[in-house]
Amino acid sequence: MQVTKIDAGAPYGIATGAGGALWFTLVHEGRIGRLLPGGEPVIHQLSPADGGPTVITPEPGGEAMWFTEFQGGRVGRIDATGEVTSFEADSPYGIVAGADGAMWFTSMRADTIGRIDADGKVSEFAVPVPGGMPSGIAAGADDALWFTLNQGNAVGRVSLTGEVSVHPLPTEGAAPVHITDGPDGALWFAEIGAGQIGRIDVTGRIDEFPLPDRASRPHAIVAGPDGALWFTLWAANRLGRITVDGVMEEHDLPSVPGAPAEPHGLTLGPDGAIWVALEAGALARLQPST
């Protein structure tokens, strides 16, 4: 497993952008990093620096990336030169491009799903679960946006026209966090509270798969190049893999001297490998067997 040390701060979110670039957030330093194949990380300082940038994702059909600043109450867009445009938002966390070309995001404290169109117009849609804490968000095969309710113990769906529905999870205290579209047309999500990986299809049917270590705290999840789902185990310093049939395996992540690695976000890189953001100050790379 390859490790790239990031001296500029604590990587949290990571995503693949245009031109084979890896982009990552440095949550405690208020910075955004960009890494090209074979190059050194380029770091862009945000201003103000106390926004706590977390999740980052590519915009549709462009070279820029979008990210959330949960503490700063902003959704930002950054291009390859480091120029940033910001939009006010209440406690944004997850963000993804929708089938309509707009950017959709969760507002954890406001119990809303937000949308920013190409002209910068912001719309909000209420989630009917007070205190539900919308967290991760992903675009589904049905063109809707699917999101987790971390404190509402549910997965929600919002159509492109703003109709919201909610699907309660079978397991109490599951506390789902990140969610992704799977290779089987369903949505897959990490249940950090229950130590499980969940699956919901577009009809609302839910399946849950307990992890061998229920205290391993699964956090982020992404589809891999091998037809499986890959996920971080924050409390166990491991990377997990689950097939669409529910078969699991785990891989140890490298330790970072002086601190727990704390794996958070992960992405399918431009090289076909899985890249993981380690909050202790590194990016880890694992090449799946295909």
C-alpha atoms as a PDB file:
ATOM      1  CA  MET A   1       0.000   0.000   0.000  1.00  0.00           C
ATOM      2  CA  GLN A   2       1.395   3.387  -1.037  1.00  0.00           C
ATOM      3  CA  VAL A   3       1.317   6.363   1.334  1.00  0.00           C
ATOM      4  CA  THR A   4       1.673  10.031   0.369  1.00  0.00           C
ATOM      5  CA  LYS A   5       2.456  12.256   3.349  1.00  0.00           C
ATOM      6  CA  ILE A   6       0.552  15.543   3.477  1.00  0.00           C
ATOM      7  CA  ASP A   7       2.512  17.965   5.626  1.00  0.00           C
ATOM      8  CA  ALA A   8       0.032  20.801   5.094  1.00  0.00           C
ATOM      9  CA  GLY A   9      -2.674  19.400   7.345  1.00  0.00           C
ATOM     10  CA  ALA A  10      -5.338  16.794   8.045  1.00  0.00           C
ATOM     11  CA  PRO A  11      -7.024  15.249   4.974  1.00  0.00           C
ATOM     12  CA  TYR A  12     -10.723  14.520   5.483  1.00  0.00           C
ATOM     13  CA  GLY A  13     -12.589  14.378   2.157  1.00  0.00           C
ATOM     14  CA  ILE A  14     -11.101  13.260  -1.155  1.00  0.00           C
ATOM     15  CA  ALA A  15     -12.405  13.052  -4.721  1.00  0.00           C
ATOM     16  CA  THR A  16     -11.152  12.621  -8.274  1.00  0.00           C
ATOM     17  CA  GLY A  17     -11.409  15.618 -10.580  1.00  0.00           C
ATOM     18  CA  ALA A  18     -10.685  16.417 -14.203  1.00  0.00           C
ATOM     19  CA  GLY A  19      -7.258  15.808 -15.698  1.00  0.00           C
ATOM     20  CA  GLY A  20      -6.401  12.947 -13.372  1.00  0.00           C
ATOM     21  CA  ALA A  21      -6.204  15.208 -10.306  1.00  0.00           C
ATOM     22  CA  LEU A  22      -6.963  14.127  -6.765  1.00  0.00           C
ATOM     23  CA  TRP A  23      -8.525  16.853  -4.626  1.00  0.00           C
ATOM     24  CA  PHE A  24      -8.764  16.709  -0.844  1.00  0.00           C
ATOM     25  CA  THR A  25      -9.908  18.876   2.047  1.00  0.00           C
ATOM     26  CA  LEU A  26      -7.707  19.759   5.018  1.00  0.00           C
ATOM     27  CA  VAL A  27     -10.387  20.072   7.644  1.00  0.00           C
ATOM     28  CA  HIS A  28      -8.522  21.693  10.539  1.00  0.00           C
ATOM     29  CA  GLU A  29      -6.416  24.084   8.459  1.00  0.00           C
ATOM     30  CA  GLY A  30      -9.083  25.501   6.137  1.00  0.00           C
ATOM     31  CA  ARG A  31      -7.269  24.368   2.991  1.00  0.00           C
ATOM     32  CA  ILE A  32      -7.920  22.481  -0.237  1.00  0.00           C
ATOM     33  CA  GLY A  33      -5.226  20.284  -1.782  1.00  0.00           C
ATOM     34  CA  ARG A  34      -4.713  19.062  -5.335  1.00  0.00           C
ATOM     35  CA  LEU A  35      -2.423  16.213  -6.380  1.00  0.00           C
ATOM     36  CA  LEU A  36      -1.570  15.366  -9.978  1.00  0.00           C
ATOM     37  CA  PRO A  37      -0.057  11.984 -10.929  1.00  0.00           C
ATOM     38  CA  GLY A  38       3.664  12.007 -10.268  1.00  0.00           C
ATOM     39  CA  GLY A  39       3.553  15.498  -8.784  1.00  0.00           C
ATOM     40  CA  GLU A  40       3.679  17.160  -5.396  1.00  0.00           C
ATOM     41  CA  PRO A  41       0.537  18.356  -3.589  1.00  0.00           C
ATOM     42  CA  VAL A  42      -0.522  21.929  -4.354  1.00  0.00           C
ATOM     43  CA  ILE A  43      -2.274  23.547  -1.396  1.00  0.00           C
ATOM     44  CA  HIS A  44      -4.803  26.376  -1.598  1.00  0.00           C
ATOM     45  CA  GLN A  45      -5.543  28.347   1.562  1.00  0.00           C
ATOM     46  CA  LEU A  46      -9.183  29.304   2.077  1.00  0.00           C
ATOM     47  CA  SER A  47     -10.126  32.662   3.544  1.00  0.00           C
ATOM     48  CA  PRO A  48     -11.366  32.696   6.216  1.00  0.00           C
ATOM     49  CA  ALA A  49      -9.536  29.585   7.308  1.00  0.00           C
ATOM     50  CA  ASP A  50     -11.904  28.427  10.065  1.00  0.00           C
ATOM     51  CA  GLY A  51     -14.648  26.931   7.893  1.00  0.00           C
ATOM     52  CA  GLY A  52     -13.739  23.282   8.393  1.00  0.00           C
ATOM     53  CA  PRO A  53     -13.856  22.045   4.766  1.00  0.00           C
ATOM     54  CA  THR A  54     -15.122  18.476   4.724  1.00  0.00           C
ATOM     55  CA  VAL A  55     -16.677  16.778   1.677  1.00  0.00           C
ATOM     56  CA  ILE A  56     -15.461  17.548  -1.862  1.00  0.00           C
ATOM     57  CA  THR A  57     -16.859  16.412  -5.229  1.00  0.00           C
ATOM     58  CA  PRO A  58     -16.456  17.241  -8.946  1.00  0.00           C
ATOM     59  CA  GLU A  59     -18.876  19.451 -10.813  1.00  0.00           C
ATOM     60  CA  PRO A  60     -20.560  17.868 -13.852  1.00  0.00           C
ATOM     61  CA  GLY A  61     -18.681  18.341 -17.109  1.00  0.00           C
ATOM     62  CA  GLY A  62     -16.185  20.825 -15.746  1.00  0.00           C
ATOM     63  CA  GLU A  63     -12.757  21.114 -14.177  1.00  0.00           C
ATOM     64  CA  ALA A  64     -13.830  22.694 -10.892  1.00  0.00           C
ATOM     65  CA  MET A  65     -14.614  21.001  -7.591  1.00  0.00           C
ATOM     66  CA  TRP A  66     -17.294  21.791  -5.012  1.00  0.00           C
ATOM     67  CA  PHE A  67     -16.831  21.443  -1.268  1.00  0.00           C
ATOM     68  CA  THR A  68     -18.644  22.123   1.980  1.00  0.00           C
ATOM     69  CA  GLU A  69     -17.490  24.154   4.976  1.00  0.00           C
ATOM     70  CA  PHE A  70     -19.614  22.851   7.827  1.00  0.00           C
ATOM     71  CA  GLN A  71     -18.272  25.224  10.491  1.00  0.00           C
ATOM     72  CA  GLY A  72     -18.125  28.245   8.202  1.00  0.00           C
ATOM     73  CA  GLY A  73     -21.624  27.870   6.765  1.00  0.00           C
ATOM     74  CA  ARG A  74     -20.478  27.917   3.147  1.00  0.00           C
ATOM     75  CA  VAL A  75     -20.532  25.805   0.006  1.00  0.00           C
ATOM     76  CA  GLY A  76     -17.508  26.544  -2.170  1.00  0.00           C
ATOM     77  CA  ARG A  77     -16.375  26.041  -5.750  1.00  0.00           C
ATOM     78  CA  ILE A  78     -12.662  25.911  -6.543  1.00  0.00           C
ATOM     79  CA  ASP A  79     -11.078  25.762  -9.996  1.00  0.00           C
ATOM     80  CA  ALA A  80      -7.688  24.395 -11.035  1.00  0.00           C
ATOM     81  CA  THR A  81      -6.021  27.770 -10.404  1.00  0.00           C
ATOM     82  CA  GLY A  82      -7.306  27.887  -6.824  1.00  0.00           C
ATOM     83  CA  GLU A  83      -9.929  30.575  -7.392  1.00  0.00           C
ATOM     84  CA  VAL A  84     -12.827  30.091  -4.963  1.00  0.00           C
ATOM     85  CA  THR A  85     -16.467  31.159  -5.179  1.00  0.00           C
ATOM     86  CA  SER A  86     -18.557  30.727  -2.025  1.00  0.00           C
ATOM     87  CA  PHE A  87     -22.274  30.477  -1.296  1.00  0.00           C
ATOM     88  CA  GLU A  88     -23.854  30.828   2.135  1.00  0.00           C
ATOM     89  CA  ALA A  89     -25.447  27.666   3.526  1.00  0.00           C
ATOM     90  CA  ASP A  90     -26.480  26.438   6.974  1.00  0.00           C
ATOM     91  CA  SER A  91     -24.132  23.696   8.251  1.00  0.00           C
ATOM     92  CA  PRO A  92     -23.498  21.982   4.886  1.00  0.00           C
ATOM     93  CA  TYR A  93     -21.832  18.569   4.888  1.00  0.00           C
ATOM     94  CA  GLY A  94     -22.484  16.176   1.976  1.00  0.00           C
ATOM     95  CA  ILE A  95     -22.477  17.436  -1.615  1.00  0.00           C
ATOM     96  CA  VAL A  96     -22.920  15.838  -5.038  1.00  0.00           C
ATOM     97  CA  ALA A  97     -23.829  16.752  -8.614  1.00  0.00           C
ATOM     98  CA  GLY A  98     -27.395  15.906  -9.605  1.00  0.00           C
ATOM     99  CA  ALA A  99     -28.753  14.628 -12.910  1.00  0.00           C
ATOM    100  CA  ASP A 100     -30.057  18.157 -13.551  1.00  0.00           C
ATOM    101  CA  GLY A 101     -26.541  19.629 -13.574  1.00  0.00           C
ATOM    102  CA  ALA A 102     -27.039  21.394 -10.235  1.00  0.00           C
ATOM    103  CA  MET A 103     -25.096  20.765  -7.025  1.00  0.00           C
ATOM    104  CA  TRP A 104     -27.094  19.254  -4.162  1.00  0.00           C
ATOM    105  CA  PHE A 105     -26.015  19.333  -0.524  1.00  0.00           C
ATOM    106  CA  THR A 106     -27.182  18.417   2.971  1.00  0.00           C
ATOM    107  CA  SER A 107     -27.636  20.938   5.791  1.00  0.00           C
ATOM    108  CA  MET A 108     -27.119  19.029   9.019  1.00  0.00           C
ATOM    109  CA  ARG A 109     -28.504  21.504  11.534  1.00  0.00           C
ATOM    110  CA  ALA A 110     -31.198  23.005   9.312  1.00  0.00           C
ATOM    111  CA  ASP A 111     -32.816  19.667   8.346  1.00  0.00           C
ATOM    112  CA  THR A 112     -32.876  20.645   4.687  1.00  0.00           C
ATOM    113  CA  ILE A 113     -31.484  19.552   1.344  1.00  0.00           C
ATOM    114  CA  GLY A 114     -30.007  22.417  -0.674  1.00  0.00           C
ATOM    115  CA  ARG A 115     -29.565  22.921  -4.397  1.00  0.00           C
ATOM    116  CA  ILE A 116     -27.310  25.382  -6.249  1.00  0.00           C
ATOM    117  CA  ASP A 117     -27.977  25.820  -9.966  1.00  0.00           C
ATOM    118  CA  ALA A 118     -25.559  26.991 -12.656  1.00  0.00           C
ATOM    119  CA  ASP A 119     -26.536  30.625 -12.019  1.00  0.00           C
ATOM    120  CA  GLY A 120     -25.770  30.364  -8.307  1.00  0.00           C
ATOM    121  CA  LYS A 121     -29.401  30.337  -7.196  1.00  0.00           C
ATOM    122  CA  VAL A 122     -29.837  28.402  -3.939  1.00  0.00           C
ATOM    123  CA  SER A 123     -33.037  26.461  -3.187  1.00  0.00           C
ATOM    124  CA  GLU A 124     -33.869  24.480  -0.050  1.00  0.00           C
ATOM    125  CA  PHE A 125     -36.185  21.525   0.571  1.00  0.00           C
ATOM    126  CA  ALA A 126     -37.312  20.629   4.085  1.00  0.00           C
ATOM    127  CA  VAL A 127     -36.739  17.131   5.437  1.00  0.00           C
ATOM    128  CA  PRO A 128     -39.715  16.048   7.589  1.00  0.00           C
ATOM    129  CA  VAL A 129     -37.582  14.605  10.398  1.00  0.00           C
ATOM    130  CA  PRO A 130     -36.763  17.308  12.971  1.00  0.00           C
ATOM    131  CA  GLY A 131     -33.223  16.851  14.260  1.00  0.00           C
ATOM    132  CA  GLY A 132     -32.625  14.105  11.699  1.00  0.00           C
ATOM    133  CA  MET A 133     -29.273  15.591  10.674  1.00  0.00           C
ATOM    134  CA  PRO A 134     -29.012  15.023   6.891  1.00  0.00           C
ATOM    135  CA  SER A 135     -25.431  13.921   6.246  1.00  0.00           C
ATOM    136  CA  GLY A 136     -24.215  12.065   3.165  1.00  0.00           C
ATOM    137  CA  ILE A 137     -25.838  12.470  -0.245  1.00  0.00           C
ATOM    138  CA  ALA A 138     -25.581  10.620  -3.563  1.00  0.00           C
ATOM    139  CA  ALA A 139     -27.258  10.658  -6.965  1.00  0.00           C
ATOM    140  CA  GLY A 140     -29.320   7.535  -7.614  1.00  0.00           C
ATOM    141  CA  ALA A 141     -30.012   5.550 -10.770  1.00  0.00           C
ATOM    142  CA  ASP A 142     -33.564   6.995 -10.675  1.00  0.00           C
ATOM    143  CA  ASP A 143     -32.161  10.546 -11.075  1.00  0.00           C
ATOM    144  CA  ALA A 144     -33.217  11.401  -7.500  1.00  0.00           C
ATOM    145  CA  LEU A 145     -30.864  12.392  -4.697  1.00  0.00           C
ATOM    146  CA  TRP A 146     -30.581   9.954  -1.796  1.00  0.00           C
ATOM    147  CA  PHE A 147     -29.290  11.043   1.610  1.00  0.00           C
ATOM    148  CA  THR A 148     -28.687   9.678   5.082  1.00  0.00           C
ATOM    149  CA  LEU A 149     -30.318  10.970   8.260  1.00  0.00           C
ATOM    150  CA  ASN A 150     -27.617  10.400  10.844  1.00  0.00           C
ATOM    151  CA  GLN A 151     -29.794  11.127  13.881  1.00  0.00           C
ATOM    152  CA  GLY A 152     -33.085  10.248  12.189  1.00  0.00           C
ATOM    153  CA  ASN A 153     -31.987   6.635  11.654  1.00  0.00           C
ATOM    154  CA  ALA A 154     -33.230   6.701   8.081  1.00  0.00           C
ATOM    155  CA  VAL A 155     -32.375   7.193   4.425  1.00  0.00           C
ATOM    156  CA  GLY A 156     -34.192   9.907   2.512  1.00  0.00           C
ATOM    157  CA  ARG A 157     -34.917  10.600  -1.124  1.00  0.00           C
ATOM    158  CA  VAL A 158     -35.532  13.932  -2.820  1.00  0.00           C
ATOM    159  CA  SER A 159     -36.657  14.176  -6.437  1.00  0.00           C
ATOM    160  CA  LEU A 160     -35.269  16.795  -8.806  1.00  0.00           C
ATOM    161  CA  THR A 161     -38.477  18.777  -8.255  1.00  0.00           C
ATOM    162  CA  GLY A 162     -38.145  18.683  -4.455  1.00  0.00           C
ATOM    163  CA  GLU A 163     -40.489  15.910  -3.274  1.00  0.00           C
ATOM    164  CA  VAL A 164     -38.993  14.278  -0.167  1.00  0.00           C
ATOM    165  CA  SER A 165     -39.640  10.779   1.184  1.00  0.00           C
ATOM    166  CA  VAL A 166     -38.033   8.981   4.138  1.00  0.00           C
ATOM    167  CA  HIS A 167     -37.241   5.287   4.681  1.00  0.00           C
ATOM    168  CA  PRO A 168     -36.579   4.269   8.350  1.00  0.00           C
ATOM    169  CA  LEU A 169     -33.756   1.808   8.953  1.00  0.00           C
ATOM    170  CA  PRO A 170     -34.446  -1.556  10.629  1.00  0.00           C
ATOM    171  CA  THR A 171     -31.591  -1.164  13.147  1.00  0.00           C
ATOM    172  CA  GLU A 172     -31.995   1.371  15.947  1.00  0.00           C
ATOM    173  CA  GLY A 173     -29.077   3.745  16.449  1.00  0.00           C
ATOM    174  CA  ALA A 174     -27.522   2.895  13.086  1.00  0.00           C
ATOM    175  CA  ALA A 175     -26.424   6.534  12.576  1.00  0.00           C
ATOM    176  CA  PRO A 176     -25.806   6.336   8.800  1.00  0.00           C
ATOM    177  CA  VAL A 177     -23.184   8.732   7.434  1.00  0.00           C
ATOM    178  CA  HIS A 178     -21.955   8.512   3.841  1.00  0.00           C
ATOM    179  CA  ILE A 179     -23.867   7.007   0.932  1.00  0.00           C
ATOM    180  CA  THR A 180     -22.943   6.152  -2.662  1.00  0.00           C
ATOM    181  CA  ASP A 181     -24.508   4.758  -5.814  1.00  0.00           C
ATOM    182  CA  GLY A 182     -23.584   1.110  -6.259  1.00  0.00           C
ATOM    183  CA  PRO A 183     -22.783  -0.974  -9.319  1.00  0.00           C
ATOM    184  CA  ASP A 184     -26.102  -2.829  -8.885  1.00  0.00           C
ATOM    185  CA  GLY A 185     -28.276   0.288  -9.217  1.00  0.00           C
ATOM    186  CA  ALA A 186     -28.903   0.506  -5.462  1.00  0.00           C
ATOM    187  CA  LEU A 187     -27.565   2.986  -2.890  1.00  0.00           C
ATOM    188  CA  TRP A 188     -25.039   1.731  -0.328  1.00  0.00           C
ATOM    189  CA  PHE A 189     -24.314   3.485   2.970  1.00  0.00           C
ATOM    190  CA  ALA A 190     -22.194   3.213   6.121  1.00  0.00           C
ATOM    191  CA  GLU A 191     -23.897   2.766   9.506  1.00  0.00           C
ATOM    192  CA  ILE A 192     -21.295   4.183  11.873  1.00  0.00           C
ATOM    193  CA  GLY A 193     -23.395   3.562  15.000  1.00  0.00           C
ATOM    194  CA  ALA A 194     -24.353  -0.048  14.276  1.00  0.00           C
ATOM    195  CA  GLY A 195     -21.168  -1.270  12.602  1.00  0.00           C
ATOM    196  CA  GLN A 196     -23.000  -2.269   9.453  1.00  0.00           C
ATOM    197  CA  ILE A 197     -23.125  -1.542   5.735  1.00  0.00           C
ATOM    198  CA  GLY A 198     -26.600  -0.825   4.399  1.00  0.00           C
ATOM    199  CA  ARG A 199     -28.185  -1.113   0.967  1.00  0.00           C
ATOM    200  CA  ILE A 200     -31.406   0.481  -0.270  1.00  0.00           C
ATOM    201  CA  ASP A 201     -32.827   0.002  -3.746  1.00  0.00           C
ATOM    202  CA  VAL A 202     -34.898   2.587  -5.580  1.00  0.00           C
ATOM    203  CA  THR A 203     -38.126   0.923  -4.387  1.00  0.00           C
ATOM    204  CA  GLY A 204     -37.095   1.505  -0.760  1.00  0.00           C
ATOM    205  CA  ARG A 205     -36.140  -2.069   0.138  1.00  0.00           C
ATOM    206  CA  ILE A 206     -33.364  -2.095   2.757  1.00  0.00           C
ATOM    207  CA  ASP A 207     -30.740  -4.760   3.528  1.00  0.00           C
ATOM    208  CA  GLU A 208     -28.105  -4.504   6.255  1.00  0.00           C
ATOM    209  CA  PHE A 209     -24.797  -6.364   6.507  1.00  0.00           C
ATOM    210  CA  PRO A 210     -23.134  -6.542   9.964  1.00  0.00           C
ATOM    211  CA  LEU A 211     -19.359  -6.095  10.025  1.00  0.00           C
ATOM    212  CA  PRO A 212     -17.099  -8.619  11.797  1.00  0.00           C
ATOM    213  CA  ASP A 213     -16.110  -5.831  14.221  1.00  0.00           C
ATOM    214  CA  ARG A 214     -19.290  -3.939  15.110  1.00  0.00           C
ATOM    215  CA  ALA A 215     -17.225  -1.264  16.900  1.00  0.00           C
ATOM    216  CA  SER A 216     -15.091  -0.433  13.828  1.00  0.00           C
ATOM    217  CA  ARG A 217     -17.178   2.690  12.966  1.00  0.00           C
ATOM    218  CA  PRO A 218     -17.681   2.557   9.159  1.00  0.00           C
ATOM    219  CA  HIS A 219     -17.702   6.103   7.820  1.00  0.00           C
ATOM    220  CA  ALA A 220     -17.373   6.686   4.070  1.00  0.00           C
ATOM    221  CA  ILE A 221     -18.165   4.392   1.139  1.00  0.00           C
ATOM    222  CA  VAL A 222     -17.520   4.364  -2.612  1.00  0.00           C
ATOM    223  CA  ALA A 223     -17.947   2.014  -5.563  1.00  0.00           C
ATOM    224  CA  GLY A 224     -14.667   0.431  -6.684  1.00  0.00           C
ATOM    225  CA  PRO A 225     -13.379  -0.655 -10.083  1.00  0.00           C
ATOM    226  CA  ASP A 226     -14.005  -4.316  -9.237  1.00  0.00           C
ATOM    227  CA  GLY A 227     -17.801  -4.272  -8.939  1.00  0.00           C
ATOM    228  CA  ALA A 228     -17.639  -4.070  -5.131  1.00  0.00           C
ATOM    229  CA  LEU A 229     -18.085  -1.313  -2.538  1.00  0.00           C
ATOM    230  CA  TRP A 230     -15.134  -0.018  -0.497  1.00  0.00           C
ATOM    231  CA  PHE A 231     -15.480   1.728   2.859  1.00  0.00           C
ATOM    232  CA  THR A 232     -13.371   3.224   5.632  1.00  0.00           C
ATOM    233  CA  LEU A 233     -13.396   1.844   9.188  1.00  0.00           C
ATOM    234  CA  TRP A 234     -12.581   4.931  11.192  1.00  0.00           C
ATOM    235  CA  ALA A 235     -12.100   3.345  14.620  1.00  0.00           C
ATOM    236  CA  ALA A 236     -10.210   0.278  13.372  1.00  0.00           C
ATOM    237  CA  ASN A 237      -7.744   1.880  10.929  1.00  0.00           C
ATOM    238  CA  ARG A 238      -8.870  -0.478   8.193  1.00  0.00           C
ATOM    239  CA  LEU A 239     -10.356  -0.395   4.725  1.00  0.00           C
ATOM    240  CA  GLY A 240     -13.324  -2.663   4.026  1.00  0.00           C
ATOM    241  CA  ARG A 241     -14.724  -4.216   0.878  1.00  0.00           C
ATOM    242  CA  ILE A 242     -18.167  -5.720   0.330  1.00  0.00           C
ATOM    243  CA  THR A 243     -19.520  -7.368  -2.801  1.00  0.00           C
ATOM    244  CA  VAL A 244     -23.088  -6.774  -3.935  1.00  0.00           C
ATOM    245  CA  ASP A 245     -23.822 -10.260  -2.529  1.00  0.00           C
ATOM    246  CA  GLY A 246     -22.611  -9.218   0.927  1.00  0.00           C
ATOM    247  CA  VAL A 247     -19.215 -10.939   1.014  1.00  0.00           C
ATOM    248  CA  MET A 248     -16.727  -8.862   3.061  1.00  0.00           C
ATOM    249  CA  GLU A 249     -12.995  -8.524   3.484  1.00  0.00           C
ATOM    250  CA  GLU A 250     -10.797  -5.981   5.263  1.00  0.00           C
ATOM    251  CA  HIS A 251      -7.350  -4.482   4.721  1.00  0.00           C
ATOM    252  CA  ASP A 252      -5.133  -2.840   7.331  1.00  0.00           C
ATOM    253  CA  LEU A 253      -4.233   0.767   6.639  1.00  0.00           C
ATOM    254  CA  PRO A 254      -0.737   2.070   7.357  1.00  0.00           C
ATOM    255  CA  SER A 255      -0.152   3.746  10.683  1.00  0.00           C
ATOM    256  CA  VAL A 256       0.986   7.347  10.757  1.00  0.00           C
ATOM    257  CA  PRO A 257       3.769   8.059  13.274  1.00  0.00           C
ATOM    258  CA  GLY A 258       2.558   9.862  16.375  1.00  0.00           C
ATOM    259  CA  ALA A 259      -1.193   9.583  15.820  1.00  0.00           C
ATOM    260  CA  PRO A 260      -4.039   7.244  14.876  1.00  0.00           C
ATOM    261  CA  ALA A 261      -4.514   7.287  11.093  1.00  0.00           C
ATOM    262  CA  GLU A 262      -8.255   8.145  11.313  1.00  0.00           C
ATOM    263  CA  PRO A 263      -9.418   7.189   7.806  1.00  0.00           C
ATOM    264  CA  HIS A 264     -12.361   9.271   6.585  1.00  0.00           C
ATOM    265  CA  GLY A 265     -13.117   9.939   2.906  1.00  0.00           C
ATOM    266  CA  LEU A 266     -12.121   7.732   0.009  1.00  0.00           C
ATOM    267  CA  THR A 267     -12.409   7.815  -3.773  1.00  0.00           C
ATOM    268  CA  LEU A 268     -11.783   5.791  -6.888  1.00  0.00           C
ATOM    269  CA  GLY A 269      -8.664   7.451  -8.258  1.00  0.00           C
ATOM    270  CA  PRO A 270      -7.808   8.209 -11.885  1.00  0.00           C
ATOM    271  CA  ASP A 271      -5.374   5.276 -11.777  1.00  0.00           C
ATOM    272  CA  GLY A 272      -8.071   2.748 -10.853  1.00  0.00           C
ATOM    273  CA  ALA A 273      -6.879   2.541  -7.237  1.00  0.00           C
ATOM    274  CA  ILE A 274      -8.737   3.334  -4.034  1.00  0.00           C
ATOM    275  CA  TRP A 275      -7.363   6.476  -2.352  1.00  0.00           C
ATOM    276  CA  VAL A 276      -8.104   7.123   1.322  1.00  0.00           C
ATOM    277  CA  ALA A 277      -7.811  10.377   3.275  1.00  0.00           C
ATOM    278  CA  LEU A 278      -6.079   9.810   6.616  1.00  0.00           C
ATOM    279  CA  GLU A 279      -6.754  12.659   9.026  1.00  0.00           C
ATOM    280  CA  ALA A 280      -3.405  12.068  10.712  1.00  0.00           C
ATOM    281  CA  GLY A 281      -1.760  13.625   7.638  1.00  0.00           C
ATOM    282  CA  ALA A 282      -1.527  11.305   4.653  1.00  0.00           C
ATOM    283  CA  LEU A 283      -3.237   9.784   1.617  1.00  0.00           C
ATOM    284  CA  ALA A 284      -3.169   6.004   1.305  1.00  0.00           C
ATOM    285  CA  ARG A 285      -3.475   4.134  -2.001  1.00  0.00           C
ATOM    286  CA  LEU A 286      -4.602   0.541  -2.498  1.00  0.00           C
ATOM    287  CA  GLN A 287      -4.831  -1.128  -5.899  1.00  0.00           C
ATOM    288  CA  PRO A 288      -7.792  -3.580  -5.963  1.00  0.00           C
ATOM    289  CA  SER A 289      -7.416  -6.883  -7.732  1.00  0.00           C
ATOM    290  CA  THR A 290      -9.714  -6.841 -10.757  1.00  0.00           C
END
